[in-house]
Protein backbone atom coordinates (compact mmCIF):
# COMPACT_ATOMS: atom_id res chain seq x y z
CA MET A 1 -0.17 0.16 0.23
CA ARG A 2 3.10 2.37 1.08
CA ARG A 3 4.61 2.03 -2.50
CA PHE A 4 1.37 2.64 -4.46
CA ARG A 5 0.77 6.09 -2.01
CA THR A 6 4.59 6.83 -3.08
CA SER A 7 4.10 5.81 -6.82
CA ALA A 8 1.02 8.37 -7.36
CA VAL A 9 2.75 11.06 -5.55
CA VAL A 10 5.81 10.71 -7.61
CA SER A 11 3.53 10.15 -10.82
CA SER A 12 1.32 13.49 -9.64
CA PHE A 13 4.43 15.66 -9.22
CA LEU A 14 5.79 14.27 -12.27
CA LEU A 15 2.74 15.32 -13.71
CA SER A 16 2.41 18.86 -12.32
CA VAL A 17 5.92 19.60 -13.08
CA GLY A 18 4.58 18.33 -17.11
CA LEU A 19 1.89 20.67 -16.66
CA ALA A 20 3.40 22.97 -15.78
CA PHE A 21 6.81 23.14 -18.58
CA THR A 22 3.61 22.63 -20.90
CA GLY A 23 1.86 25.24 -19.22
CA ALA A 24 5.35 27.94 -19.74
CA ALA A 25 5.83 26.34 -23.76
CA ALA A 26 2.27 27.32 -24.49
CA ALA A 27 2.64 30.33 -22.50
CA GLN A 28 6.05 31.90 -24.73
CA ALA A 29 4.15 30.12 -27.96
CA SER A 30 1.06 32.64 -27.08
CA ALA A 31 3.75 35.65 -26.08
CA GLN A 32 5.35 35.08 -29.82
CA ALA A 33 2.28 34.98 -31.58
CA ALA A 34 1.55 38.24 -29.92
CA GLY A 35 4.56 39.80 -30.32
CA ALA A 36 5.79 42.08 -33.10
CA TYR A 37 6.51 40.06 -36.60
CA VAL A 38 9.47 40.81 -39.28
CA ALA A 39 8.84 38.56 -42.45
CA LEU A 40 12.46 39.44 -44.23
CA GLY A 41 13.41 37.80 -47.40
CA ASP A 42 14.04 37.22 -50.97
CA SER A 43 11.01 36.59 -53.66
CA TYR A 44 10.32 33.18 -51.47
CA SER A 45 9.12 35.36 -48.27
CA SER A 46 7.26 37.90 -50.73
CA GLY A 47 5.07 35.76 -52.25
CA VAL A 48 6.49 36.16 -56.01
CA GLY A 49 4.55 33.55 -58.16
CA ALA A 50 1.51 33.84 -55.72
CA GLY A 51 -0.19 36.75 -57.54
CA SER A 52 -2.73 39.79 -55.59
CA TYR A 53 1.33 41.99 -55.14
CA THR A 54 0.11 45.14 -53.17
CA ALA A 55 1.13 48.31 -54.82
CA GLU A 56 3.32 49.24 -52.55
CA SER A 57 5.33 47.21 -52.75
CA GLY A 58 6.32 47.44 -56.37
CA ASN A 59 8.81 45.65 -57.89
CA CYS A 60 9.46 43.27 -54.41
CA LYS A 61 5.79 42.23 -55.00
CA ARG A 62 5.13 41.29 -51.77
CA SER A 63 1.67 39.27 -52.24
CA THR A 64 -1.13 38.89 -49.91
CA ASN A 65 -1.13 35.21 -50.69
CA ALA A 66 2.43 34.87 -49.05
CA TYR A 67 2.91 33.26 -45.56
CA PRO A 68 3.87 36.00 -43.91
CA GLN A 69 0.95 38.33 -44.60
CA LEU A 70 -1.38 34.44 -43.86
CA TRP A 71 0.14 34.23 -40.56
CA ALA A 72 0.14 37.59 -39.61
CA ASN A 73 -3.46 37.64 -40.83
CA ALA A 74 -4.24 34.19 -38.47
CA ASN A 75 -2.31 35.26 -35.74
CA SER A 76 -2.44 39.69 -35.08
CA PRO A 77 0.45 39.94 -34.02
CA SER A 78 1.06 43.12 -32.23
CA SER A 79 2.96 45.23 -35.00
CA PHE A 80 3.67 43.14 -38.80
CA SER A 81 6.80 44.64 -40.96
CA PHE A 82 6.48 43.05 -44.10
CA VAL A 83 10.15 43.80 -45.61
CA ALA A 84 10.38 40.74 -47.83
CA CYS A 85 11.06 41.93 -51.35
CA GLY A 86 11.97 39.41 -54.66
CA GLY A 87 15.19 39.48 -55.26
CA ALA A 88 17.28 40.12 -52.27
CA THR A 89 20.46 38.34 -51.52
CA THR A 90 21.64 37.63 -47.75
CA SER A 91 23.54 41.44 -48.80
CA SER A 92 20.51 43.11 -49.67
CA VAL A 93 18.24 41.81 -47.03
CA ARG A 94 20.90 42.83 -44.32
CA SER A 95 21.55 46.78 -46.18
CA SER A 96 17.38 47.59 -46.94
CA GLN A 97 15.27 45.36 -44.66
CA MET A 98 16.76 45.40 -41.37
CA ALA A 99 15.12 48.55 -39.96
CA PRO A 100 12.55 47.42 -38.41
CA LEU A 101 13.82 44.36 -36.16
CA ASN A 102 14.36 45.69 -32.53
CA ALA A 103 14.23 44.79 -28.91
CA ASN A 104 10.92 44.14 -29.22
CA THR A 105 10.65 41.84 -32.59
CA ALA A 106 9.05 38.44 -30.97
CA LEU A 107 9.40 36.41 -34.14
CA VAL A 108 11.75 36.99 -37.70
CA SER A 109 11.10 34.30 -40.32
CA VAL A 110 13.37 34.49 -43.30
CA THR A 111 14.60 33.33 -47.05
CA ALA A 112 17.73 34.17 -47.70
CA GLY A 113 20.63 32.30 -50.09
CA GLY A 114 19.23 31.71 -53.63
CA ASN A 115 19.89 34.57 -54.99
CA ASP A 116 23.72 34.49 -53.62
CA ALA A 117 24.26 31.12 -55.44
CA GLY A 118 22.69 33.04 -58.89
CA PHE A 119 18.91 30.61 -58.50
CA ALA A 120 17.55 32.67 -61.89
CA ASP A 121 20.56 32.24 -63.79
CA VAL A 122 21.19 28.36 -63.04
CA MET A 123 17.67 27.89 -64.57
CA THR A 124 17.84 30.00 -67.45
CA THR A 125 20.92 28.26 -68.27
CA CYS A 126 19.16 24.58 -67.75
CA VAL A 127 16.08 26.21 -69.39
CA ILE A 128 18.10 26.78 -72.50
CA SER A 129 21.19 24.93 -72.46
CA SER A 130 22.24 21.48 -73.27
CA ASN A 131 22.89 18.92 -70.22
CA SER A 132 26.41 18.89 -69.54
CA VAL A 133 25.99 22.92 -69.77
CA CYS A 134 23.07 23.13 -67.16
CA VAL A 135 25.32 20.35 -64.62
CA ASP A 136 28.24 22.72 -65.08
CA ARG A 137 26.46 25.91 -64.49
CA ILE A 138 25.23 23.73 -61.07
CA ASN A 139 27.99 22.33 -60.06
CA SER A 140 29.48 26.14 -60.11
CA ALA A 141 26.01 27.05 -57.63
CA ARG A 142 27.04 24.30 -55.59
CA SER A 143 30.65 25.67 -54.80
CA PHE A 144 29.59 29.01 -54.31
CA ILE A 145 27.36 27.21 -51.70
CA THR A 146 30.40 25.22 -50.49
CA SER A 147 32.27 27.79 -50.27
CA THR A 148 31.36 31.14 -49.93
CA LEU A 149 27.41 31.00 -48.86
CA PRO A 150 28.02 30.44 -45.66
CA GLY A 151 29.68 33.33 -44.29
CA ASN A 152 27.05 35.58 -45.90
CA LEU A 153 24.49 33.87 -44.00
CA ASP A 154 26.76 33.53 -40.59
CA SER A 155 26.64 37.92 -41.84
CA LEU A 156 23.12 38.24 -42.06
CA TYR A 157 22.38 35.48 -38.98
CA ALA A 158 24.47 37.42 -37.07
CA ASP A 159 22.67 41.21 -37.73
CA ILE A 160 19.33 39.36 -36.70
CA GLU A 161 20.84 38.00 -33.65
CA ASN A 162 22.39 41.53 -32.87
CA ARG A 163 19.32 43.67 -33.74
CA ALA A 164 16.46 41.32 -32.30
CA PRO A 165 17.86 39.94 -29.30
CA ASN A 166 14.92 38.38 -28.11
CA ALA A 167 13.13 37.01 -31.04
CA ARG A 168 12.36 33.91 -31.58
CA VAL A 169 14.17 33.37 -35.70
CA VAL A 170 13.09 31.17 -37.85
CA VAL A 171 14.94 30.71 -40.99
CA LEU A 172 12.54 28.87 -44.24
CA GLY A 173 14.26 26.47 -47.00
CA TYR A 174 13.38 25.96 -50.62
CA PRO A 175 11.53 22.94 -51.62
CA LYS A 176 12.67 19.97 -53.91
CA PHE A 177 11.62 21.53 -57.76
CA TYR A 178 10.39 18.03 -59.87
CA ASP A 179 9.01 15.28 -59.19
CA VAL A 180 12.16 13.09 -61.26
CA ALA A 181 9.99 10.22 -61.30
CA ALA A 182 6.92 11.10 -62.63
CA VAL A 183 7.29 11.39 -66.93
CA CYS A 184 7.04 15.26 -67.69
CA VAL A 185 7.41 17.38 -70.71
CA GLY A 186 10.84 19.98 -70.81
CA LEU A 187 13.35 19.66 -69.02
CA SER A 188 15.41 15.96 -68.82
CA ASP A 189 15.88 13.38 -66.14
CA THR A 190 19.35 14.33 -65.98
CA LYS A 191 18.89 17.90 -65.46
CA ARG A 192 15.70 17.57 -63.31
CA SER A 193 18.24 15.24 -60.83
CA ALA A 194 20.87 17.51 -60.32
CA ILE A 195 18.58 20.95 -59.90
CA ASN A 196 16.83 18.94 -56.96
CA ALA A 197 20.14 17.46 -55.48
CA ALA A 198 21.44 21.35 -55.80
CA ALA A 199 18.38 22.04 -53.67
CA ASP A 200 19.02 19.67 -50.89
CA HIS A 201 22.80 21.13 -50.87
CA LEU A 202 21.59 24.20 -50.60
CA ASN A 203 19.15 23.70 -48.28
CA SER A 204 21.46 21.53 -46.41
CA VAL A 205 24.18 24.66 -45.82
CA ILE A 206 21.20 26.75 -44.79
CA ALA A 207 19.71 24.57 -42.18
CA GLY A 208 23.77 24.35 -41.09
CA ARG A 209 24.85 27.25 -39.98
CA ALA A 210 21.25 28.56 -38.81
CA SER A 211 21.12 25.84 -36.18
CA ALA A 212 24.63 27.16 -35.47
CA HIS A 213 23.08 30.22 -34.31
CA GLY A 214 20.31 29.15 -32.33
CA PHE A 215 17.54 29.16 -35.35
CA ALA A 216 15.38 27.30 -36.18
CA PHE A 217 15.52 25.89 -40.11
CA GLY A 218 11.95 25.51 -41.27
CA ASP A 219 12.16 22.49 -44.13
CA VAL A 220 9.55 23.07 -46.82
CA ARG A 221 10.78 20.13 -48.65
CA PRO A 222 8.28 17.87 -47.11
CA THR A 223 5.06 19.48 -47.19
CA PHE A 224 5.63 20.11 -50.50
CA SER A 225 6.65 16.00 -51.67
CA GLY A 226 4.36 15.08 -54.03
CA HIS A 227 3.54 18.58 -55.16
CA GLU A 228 6.79 19.56 -57.07
CA ILE A 229 7.20 20.35 -60.86
CA CYS A 230 5.27 17.42 -62.95
CA SER A 231 3.90 15.83 -60.65
CA GLY A 232 0.92 17.13 -61.44
CA SER A 233 -0.72 18.40 -59.14
CA SER A 234 2.21 20.98 -59.24
CA TRP A 235 2.76 24.22 -56.43
CA LEU A 236 5.38 25.25 -57.77
CA HIS A 237 5.25 27.52 -61.53
CA SER A 238 7.65 25.69 -64.86
CA VAL A 239 8.96 28.17 -66.76
CA ASN A 240 5.70 31.16 -67.63
CA TRP A 241 6.82 32.48 -70.49
CA THR A 242 4.65 35.01 -70.40
CA ASN A 243 5.69 36.12 -66.73
CA ILE A 244 9.02 35.02 -67.21
CA GLY A 245 9.84 35.88 -63.12
CA GLU A 246 7.19 33.79 -61.87
CA SER A 247 8.98 30.34 -62.96
CA TYR A 248 10.09 28.04 -60.71
CA HIS A 249 8.33 30.04 -57.55
CA PRO A 250 5.38 28.21 -55.01
CA LYS A 251 1.92 29.70 -56.30
CA ALA A 252 -0.25 30.88 -53.60
CA ALA A 253 -1.03 27.11 -53.07
CA GLY A 254 2.43 26.26 -52.17
CA GLN A 255 2.28 29.53 -49.85
CA SER A 256 -0.16 28.39 -48.32
CA GLY A 257 0.47 24.43 -48.03
CA GLY A 258 3.53 24.27 -48.43
CA TYR A 259 5.13 27.56 -46.17
CA LEU A 260 2.81 28.40 -44.18
CA PRO A 261 1.91 25.36 -41.96
CA VAL A 262 6.26 25.10 -41.41
CA LEU A 263 5.98 28.81 -40.22
CA ASN A 264 3.36 27.67 -38.09
CA ALA A 265 5.15 24.22 -36.36
CA ASN A 266 8.05 26.71 -35.76
CA ASP A 267 6.60 29.72 -34.95
């Protein structure tokens, strides 16, 4: 009987401790949601490809369908600064998007690194050139991602840390672009496989540097699985000759179904 009572007391204690931690975590999450939110980054954060661009954003093409706006709509942060811009690099994020960050910032989301590695040129080369030229261009980008991009990311992440020391920072990655197993008109299997492998490499480097700074990495590849180009249910634009800038960017469904759930899971 004594053993039973002791066990019950221990169980009760552990339960109360667990509830205390759960309650603290819930309170922190609630405070995070209520605090100031700043959305930094490139076209994958601004929402290029998702349509419904705001007039004030001009060439940055910030979309009302982009995941930062969708998150703000659902969570009503105390303030929302949506400064992500199509074409941004790690350097331009640092030079033109950091002003809203301060000690009161509770949440920061950011995508950056693809343009540093020459994403647009890689895709253009692969669309118009041979397999070998495409693969050579991808290999050049992979070399840059390995040797130079980590330093660029470190500089960006350090700036965010210094300007928003109390913020939860979520670094979101990039999707794989192609369902290579599917039969699909367009790029060859060689090109599609090489592009996907480069996306994996880019995500791996970004995840590693984010972790080194204590940031959360939001991997969108699982949420985009089954919705790559050639899948039959693509959340990504393929080559769009009438609006070339939207090529290889998430559609509105990719923002709401691919990116938003990942931010929700890490905010």
